[in-house]
Amino acid sequence: MATVRVHLTARDLARTRIARGPSLAVELRLAAATAQLPGQLRPGEFDDWQRSVSERLAPETRTVLSLLSAARPCPPFVVPGAVRSAGELREEVLRTPRRRVREELSGIAEYGHVLPRWTSALGDDPRALAWLAGTLEEVYTQALEPHWPRIQAVAAADRADRAARMADEGVESLLAGLNPGRVSWRPPVLELAFPCVREQVDIRLRGQGLLLVPSLFAAAVGAIDAREEAFTVVYPVRYAPSCCPLSAPAGPVPLGPFPEAAALLGRTRAAVLAATAHYPGSTTTELARRAGIAPASASAHTAVLRSGGLVSTVRDYRGAHHSPTAEGLRLLGPRIPGTGPGR
């Protein structure tokens, strides 16, 4: 494993910012790579999801995963930048010029990486590219779409925590804590370790700046992207291990005891906050059911928690999805597993 060394100027640091949420295309690429790493992640955290992906994807669909392996770089045309849906992803891949497809695949092969045999047709046969585009959409539908609102909600809570850290401690503290073990801040160089990088690479941004993009899957498989206006580094979001967004919620949330939170918020509101911690990304209706209250009451409680900076809310066509902020988790204390130091 070699490193990518990103040299940052004062202007780069000044232009460093955190993306509002995960990138759909990047998350799909990293999820596909993670699905191929059973037993290599934190025990139990992704096991059910990995089994589910393996069972739900047809054998022909699973073929595409070999192109998205963690063992080699991914062709950039497979990970188009600003797409907001699986349909947009499919269309962007279909629009890729054949010459670009051939050049990007050849560039990966020139670095000594062996590509799957079936990829040789992508640059010449429109049917092969159409199959790839449709299959990527199917992988998203089966592996990510059911969990996407929760992933967004957890990323929003993580972003709020890191933004507060940057405001309190500065951008260098933010960089130092991005992904310990894989990302190191040695001023003025940000070092990124990737399994698929075989020799050291030095990159000088010269004022371009950094865009930090949250990801549920980046702890196992890192990612960078030099195509955007700012140089993109994908980092793993932090959350309580018992609250993995890929885990299917089961069972009611106990109403207590959370004495510190209950003393400040009241017992019912503390239970709603606890429900967001156990099941990040829950809708208002789900929180109401888990706390044993009416949906209207849950909506009122989440509004108060949100105004107090204890809960973050992400909205999509399915409704509002609520997750705890770092302050919310701290208020609940060690009774929520995984909220202690170092996570």
Protein backbone atom coordinates (compact mmCIF):
# COMPACT_ATOMS: atom_id res chain seq x y z
CA MET A 1 0.00 0.00 0.00
CA ALA A 2 1.43 3.35 -1.11
CA THR A 3 0.27 6.87 -0.39
CA VAL A 4 -1.14 9.83 -2.26
CA ARG A 5 0.49 12.96 -0.84
CA VAL A 6 -1.59 16.11 -1.33
CA HIS A 7 0.47 19.29 -0.82
CA LEU A 8 -1.66 22.13 0.51
CA THR A 9 -0.96 25.84 0.44
CA ALA A 10 -2.50 28.41 2.77
CA ARG A 11 -5.00 29.18 0.01
CA ASP A 12 -5.93 25.48 -0.24
CA LEU A 13 -6.59 25.36 3.50
CA ALA A 14 -8.68 28.51 3.31
CA ARG A 15 -10.78 26.95 0.53
CA THR A 16 -11.34 23.62 2.31
CA ARG A 17 -15.01 22.83 2.89
CA ILE A 18 -17.30 19.91 3.74
CA ALA A 19 -19.86 18.72 1.19
CA ARG A 20 -23.52 18.88 2.22
CA GLY A 21 -23.93 15.13 1.81
CA PRO A 22 -22.59 11.95 0.24
CA SER A 23 -22.13 11.57 -3.51
CA LEU A 24 -24.55 9.00 -4.91
CA ALA A 25 -22.12 7.72 -7.55
CA VAL A 26 -19.13 7.58 -5.20
CA GLU A 27 -21.20 5.88 -2.50
CA LEU A 28 -22.36 3.27 -5.00
CA ARG A 29 -18.77 2.55 -6.05
CA LEU A 30 -17.60 2.25 -2.43
CA ALA A 31 -20.63 0.17 -1.42
CA ALA A 32 -19.95 -2.24 -4.28
CA ALA A 33 -16.35 -2.60 -3.16
CA THR A 34 -17.38 -3.04 0.48
CA ALA A 35 -19.85 -5.76 -0.49
CA GLN A 36 -16.87 -7.80 -1.67
CA LEU A 37 -15.03 -7.59 1.66
CA PRO A 38 -16.94 -9.97 3.96
CA GLY A 39 -15.27 -10.49 7.31
CA GLN A 40 -12.80 -7.65 6.77
CA LEU A 41 -14.81 -4.88 8.43
CA ARG A 42 -15.88 -4.23 12.01
CA PRO A 43 -17.44 -7.52 13.18
CA GLY A 44 -21.20 -7.64 12.71
CA GLU A 45 -21.61 -4.08 11.47
CA PHE A 46 -22.07 -4.75 7.75
CA ASP A 47 -22.62 -8.52 7.85
CA ASP A 48 -26.39 -8.54 7.33
CA TRP A 49 -26.17 -5.96 4.55
CA GLN A 50 -23.42 -7.88 2.76
CA ARG A 51 -25.47 -11.09 2.92
CA SER A 52 -28.54 -9.24 1.69
CA VAL A 53 -26.66 -7.76 -1.29
CA SER A 54 -25.27 -11.17 -2.20
CA GLU A 55 -28.72 -12.73 -2.07
CA ARG A 56 -30.63 -9.97 -3.87
CA LEU A 57 -28.28 -9.40 -6.80
CA ALA A 58 -28.67 -11.78 -9.72
CA PRO A 59 -25.44 -13.54 -10.84
CA GLU A 60 -25.28 -11.45 -14.01
CA THR A 61 -25.69 -8.26 -11.98
CA ARG A 62 -22.96 -9.30 -9.53
CA THR A 63 -20.58 -9.46 -12.49
CA VAL A 64 -20.30 -5.67 -12.48
CA LEU A 65 -18.91 -5.71 -8.94
CA SER A 66 -15.61 -7.01 -10.31
CA LEU A 67 -15.04 -3.62 -11.97
CA LEU A 68 -15.68 -1.84 -8.66
CA SER A 69 -13.23 -3.85 -6.57
CA ALA A 70 -11.16 -2.21 -3.86
CA ALA A 71 -8.08 -3.83 -5.40
CA ARG A 72 -7.85 -1.39 -8.31
CA PRO A 73 -8.81 2.20 -9.21
CA CYS A 74 -12.28 2.70 -10.63
CA PRO A 75 -12.66 4.19 -14.15
CA PRO A 76 -13.87 7.76 -13.64
CA PHE A 77 -16.66 7.43 -16.24
CA VAL A 78 -18.33 4.87 -13.94
CA VAL A 79 -18.46 7.48 -11.13
CA PRO A 80 -19.89 10.64 -12.72
CA GLY A 81 -19.82 13.66 -10.43
CA ALA A 82 -23.08 15.50 -9.76
CA VAL A 83 -25.81 12.90 -10.22
CA ARG A 84 -28.82 12.91 -7.89
CA SER A 85 -30.56 9.67 -8.83
CA ALA A 86 -29.85 6.23 -10.22
CA GLY A 87 -31.55 7.28 -13.45
CA GLU A 88 -29.18 10.22 -13.86
CA LEU A 89 -26.25 7.89 -13.16
CA ARG A 90 -27.40 5.53 -15.89
CA GLU A 91 -27.79 8.36 -18.41
CA GLU A 92 -24.38 9.88 -17.63
CA VAL A 93 -22.64 6.53 -18.12
CA LEU A 94 -24.51 5.99 -21.40
CA ARG A 95 -23.38 9.41 -22.66
CA THR A 96 -19.70 8.67 -22.11
CA PRO A 97 -17.79 8.94 -25.44
CA ARG A 98 -16.31 5.62 -26.53
CA ARG A 99 -12.85 7.15 -26.81
CA ARG A 100 -12.95 8.27 -23.19
CA VAL A 101 -14.08 4.80 -22.07
CA ARG A 102 -11.11 3.21 -23.89
CA GLU A 103 -8.63 5.77 -22.55
CA GLU A 104 -9.72 5.41 -18.93
CA LEU A 105 -9.68 1.62 -19.02
CA SER A 106 -6.26 1.65 -20.74
CA GLY A 107 -4.91 4.07 -18.13
CA ILE A 108 -5.81 1.64 -15.33
CA ALA A 109 -4.24 -1.29 -17.19
CA GLU A 110 -1.04 0.69 -17.80
CA TYR A 111 -0.52 0.92 -14.04
CA GLY A 112 -0.40 -2.87 -13.90
CA HIS A 113 -3.98 -3.50 -12.79
CA VAL A 114 -5.77 -6.42 -14.43
CA LEU A 115 -9.30 -5.54 -15.53
CA PRO A 116 -12.14 -8.07 -15.91
CA ARG A 117 -12.22 -9.53 -19.43
CA TRP A 118 -15.75 -8.34 -20.10
CA THR A 119 -14.66 -4.67 -19.86
CA SER A 120 -12.81 -4.95 -23.20
CA ALA A 121 -16.11 -4.51 -25.05
CA LEU A 122 -17.16 -1.32 -23.24
CA GLY A 123 -15.27 1.05 -25.53
CA ASP A 124 -16.53 -0.46 -28.78
CA ASP A 125 -19.93 -2.06 -28.25
CA PRO A 126 -22.80 0.29 -27.29
CA ARG A 127 -24.74 -2.70 -25.99
CA ALA A 128 -21.98 -3.47 -23.50
CA LEU A 129 -22.01 0.12 -22.20
CA ALA A 130 -25.81 0.03 -21.99
CA TRP A 131 -25.61 -3.18 -19.97
CA LEU A 132 -23.10 -1.59 -17.60
CA ALA A 133 -25.26 1.52 -17.13
CA GLY A 134 -28.40 -0.51 -16.45
CA THR A 135 -26.60 -2.86 -14.11
CA LEU A 136 -25.17 0.00 -12.05
CA GLU A 137 -28.71 1.31 -11.64
CA GLU A 138 -29.86 -2.14 -10.49
CA VAL A 139 -27.02 -2.40 -7.95
CA TYR A 140 -28.03 0.97 -6.51
CA THR A 141 -31.69 -0.07 -6.33
CA GLN A 142 -30.92 -3.28 -4.47
CA ALA A 143 -27.92 -2.29 -2.32
CA LEU A 144 -28.28 1.41 -1.51
CA GLU A 145 -31.72 2.83 -2.26
CA PRO A 146 -33.49 1.24 0.76
CA HIS A 147 -30.90 2.81 3.06
CA TRP A 148 -30.21 6.10 1.27
CA PRO A 149 -32.32 8.42 3.50
CA ARG A 150 -30.61 7.02 6.63
CA ILE A 151 -27.17 7.36 5.06
CA GLN A 152 -27.93 10.99 4.22
CA ALA A 153 -29.20 11.66 7.73
CA VAL A 154 -26.15 10.15 9.41
CA ALA A 155 -23.89 12.11 7.04
CA ALA A 156 -25.72 15.33 7.93
CA ALA A 157 -25.15 14.72 11.64
CA ASP A 158 -21.49 13.95 11.03
CA ARG A 159 -21.09 17.09 8.93
CA ALA A 160 -22.54 19.23 11.69
CA ASP A 161 -20.12 17.73 14.18
CA ARG A 162 -17.07 18.26 11.95
CA ALA A 163 -18.13 21.78 11.00
CA ALA A 164 -18.34 22.64 14.69
CA ARG A 165 -14.90 21.12 15.23
CA MET A 166 -13.45 23.17 12.39
CA ALA A 167 -15.01 26.33 13.84
CA ASP A 168 -13.64 25.60 17.33
CA GLU A 169 -10.23 24.08 16.54
CA GLY A 170 -9.41 25.07 12.96
CA VAL A 171 -9.14 23.29 9.64
CA GLU A 172 -5.94 21.44 10.58
CA SER A 173 -7.76 19.67 13.43
CA LEU A 174 -10.47 18.71 10.95
CA LEU A 175 -7.91 17.19 8.56
CA ALA A 176 -6.09 15.35 11.35
CA GLY A 177 -9.30 13.58 12.39
CA LEU A 178 -10.65 12.68 8.95
CA ASN A 179 -9.83 8.97 8.95
CA PRO A 180 -7.11 7.94 11.44
CA GLY A 181 -5.08 5.04 10.12
CA ARG A 182 -5.67 5.91 6.47
CA VAL A 183 -5.40 9.69 6.38
CA SER A 184 -2.54 11.55 8.07
CA TRP A 185 -2.02 15.29 8.33
CA ARG A 186 1.70 16.16 8.26
CA PRO A 187 1.69 19.90 7.56
CA PRO A 188 1.56 20.96 4.83
CA VAL A 189 0.89 17.49 3.35
CA LEU A 190 -2.26 15.37 3.61
CA GLU A 191 -1.26 11.72 3.18
CA LEU A 192 -3.87 9.24 1.97
CA ALA A 193 -3.22 5.50 2.03
CA PHE A 194 -4.96 3.39 -0.63
CA PRO A 195 -4.66 -0.39 -1.17
CA CYS A 196 -4.81 0.05 -4.94
CA VAL A 197 -1.99 2.65 -5.12
CA ARG A 198 1.31 0.91 -5.88
CA GLU A 199 3.71 3.83 -5.74
CA GLN A 200 3.78 7.18 -4.02
CA VAL A 201 1.97 9.98 -5.82
CA ASP A 202 2.47 13.68 -5.08
CA ILE A 203 -0.26 16.17 -5.95
CA ARG A 204 0.06 19.94 -5.63
CA LEU A 205 -3.25 21.79 -5.63
CA ARG A 206 -1.86 25.34 -5.87
CA GLY A 207 -4.95 27.04 -4.44
CA GLN A 208 -7.56 24.63 -5.78
CA GLY A 209 -8.80 23.74 -2.29
CA LEU A 210 -10.26 20.58 -0.79
CA LEU A 211 -13.82 19.29 -0.85
CA LEU A 212 -14.41 16.71 1.90
CA VAL A 213 -17.24 14.32 1.04
CA PRO A 214 -18.83 12.09 3.72
CA SER A 215 -19.34 8.39 3.07
CA LEU A 216 -20.68 5.44 5.03
CA PHE A 217 -18.30 3.05 3.25
CA ALA A 218 -15.04 5.00 3.05
CA ALA A 219 -13.53 3.40 6.16
CA ALA A 220 -12.87 0.24 4.15
CA VAL A 221 -12.27 1.79 0.72
CA GLY A 222 -10.99 5.35 0.29
CA ALA A 223 -11.62 7.61 -2.68
CA ILE A 224 -10.36 10.82 -4.21
CA ASP A 225 -11.44 12.76 -7.30
CA ALA A 226 -9.42 15.39 -9.11
CA ARG A 227 -12.07 16.16 -11.73
CA GLU A 228 -14.12 18.64 -9.72
CA GLU A 229 -13.37 22.33 -9.18
CA ALA A 230 -11.96 21.43 -5.78
CA PHE A 231 -9.88 18.32 -5.13
CA THR A 232 -12.24 15.79 -3.51
CA VAL A 233 -11.35 13.53 -0.58
CA VAL A 234 -13.99 11.05 0.60
CA TYR A 235 -13.94 10.33 4.33
CA PRO A 236 -15.94 7.92 6.56
CA VAL A 237 -18.77 9.27 8.68
CA ARG A 238 -18.78 8.53 12.40
CA TYR A 239 -21.72 6.97 14.19
CA ALA A 240 -22.44 4.67 17.11
CA PRO A 241 -21.71 1.08 15.96
CA SER A 242 -25.10 -0.07 17.23
CA CYS A 243 -26.72 2.56 14.99
CA CYS A 244 -25.37 1.46 11.60
CA PRO A 245 -27.77 2.90 8.97
CA LEU A 246 -27.69 -0.43 7.11
CA SER A 247 -29.15 -2.34 10.05
CA ALA A 248 -32.87 -3.04 9.96
CA PRO A 249 -34.56 -1.45 12.97
CA ALA A 250 -36.06 -4.05 15.31
CA GLY A 251 -37.81 -3.71 18.63
CA PRO A 252 -38.92 -0.65 20.61
CA VAL A 253 -36.58 1.94 22.04
CA PRO A 254 -36.63 1.97 25.85
CA LEU A 255 -37.90 5.26 27.25
CA GLY A 256 -35.08 5.40 29.74
CA PRO A 257 -33.31 5.78 31.93
CA PHE A 258 -31.55 8.80 30.47
CA PRO A 259 -31.47 10.92 33.62
CA GLU A 260 -29.31 13.76 32.28
CA ALA A 261 -31.32 14.12 29.09
CA ALA A 262 -34.65 13.64 30.86
CA ALA A 263 -33.78 16.30 33.43
CA LEU A 264 -33.14 18.84 30.68
CA LEU A 265 -35.67 17.78 28.08
CA GLY A 266 -38.36 15.82 29.86
CA ARG A 267 -38.79 12.05 29.72
CA THR A 268 -40.72 11.86 26.44
CA ARG A 269 -38.49 14.25 24.51
CA ALA A 270 -35.43 12.38 25.80
CA ALA A 271 -37.01 9.16 24.51
CA VAL A 272 -37.46 10.74 21.06
CA LEU A 273 -33.81 11.80 21.08
CA ALA A 274 -32.82 8.26 22.12
CA ALA A 275 -34.87 6.86 19.25
CA THR A 276 -32.92 8.97 16.75
CA ALA A 277 -29.68 7.64 18.25
CA HIS A 278 -30.75 3.99 18.07
CA TYR A 279 -32.26 4.39 14.59
CA PRO A 280 -30.63 7.33 12.76
CA GLY A 281 -32.56 8.44 9.71
CA SER A 282 -35.96 7.46 11.16
CA THR A 283 -39.02 9.26 9.84
CA THR A 284 -41.29 11.20 12.17
CA THR A 285 -43.84 8.38 12.04
CA GLU A 286 -41.18 5.80 12.92
CA LEU A 287 -40.00 7.89 15.87
CA ALA A 288 -43.58 8.22 17.10
CA ARG A 289 -44.05 4.46 17.01
CA ARG A 290 -40.76 3.74 18.78
CA ALA A 291 -41.38 6.32 21.49
CA GLY A 292 -45.04 5.34 21.90
CA ILE A 293 -46.45 8.79 21.12
CA ALA A 294 -48.61 10.35 18.41
CA PRO A 295 -46.97 11.47 15.14
CA ALA A 296 -47.99 15.09 15.81
CA SER A 297 -46.24 14.96 19.19
CA ALA A 298 -43.13 13.41 17.62
CA SER A 299 -43.07 16.20 15.04
CA ALA A 300 -43.26 18.84 17.77
CA HIS A 301 -40.52 17.16 19.81
CA THR A 302 -38.14 16.84 16.84
CA ALA A 303 -38.70 20.53 16.01
CA VAL A 304 -37.60 21.50 19.51
CA LEU A 305 -34.64 19.09 19.43
CA ARG A 306 -33.59 20.44 16.05
CA SER A 307 -33.76 24.06 17.20
CA GLY A 308 -31.58 23.08 20.16
CA GLY A 309 -28.93 21.54 17.92
CA LEU A 310 -29.55 18.01 19.22
CA VAL A 311 -31.11 16.53 16.07
CA SER A 312 -30.53 17.10 12.36
CA THR A 313 -33.23 16.54 9.74
CA VAL A 314 -32.95 15.64 6.08
CA ARG A 315 -36.02 15.79 3.85
CA ASP A 316 -36.75 13.88 0.66
CA TYR A 317 -39.83 12.65 -1.20
CA ARG A 318 -40.40 10.04 1.52
CA GLY A 319 -40.57 12.57 4.32
CA ALA A 320 -38.32 13.93 7.06
CA HIS A 321 -35.51 11.74 8.40
CA HIS A 322 -34.03 12.54 11.80
CA SER A 323 -30.60 11.73 13.27
CA PRO A 324 -28.82 12.88 16.43
CA THR A 325 -26.06 15.42 16.28
CA ALA A 326 -22.84 14.96 18.23
CA GLU A 327 -24.31 17.17 20.97
CA GLY A 328 -27.39 14.99 21.11
CA LEU A 329 -25.31 11.84 21.51
CA ARG A 330 -23.20 13.46 24.21
CA LEU A 331 -26.32 14.45 26.14
CA LEU A 332 -27.58 10.84 26.09
CA GLY A 333 -24.19 9.68 27.33
CA PRO A 334 -22.73 6.17 27.52
CA ARG A 335 -26.13 4.50 27.67
CA ILE A 336 -26.14 4.76 23.89
CA PRO A 337 -23.48 2.22 22.76
CA GLY A 338 -20.64 3.69 20.78
CA THR A 339 -20.90 7.26 21.99
CA GLY A 340 -17.80 7.09 24.10
CA PRO A 341 -14.36 8.42 23.17
CA GLY A 342 -12.68 7.35 19.96
CA ARG A 343 -15.74 6.82 17.76
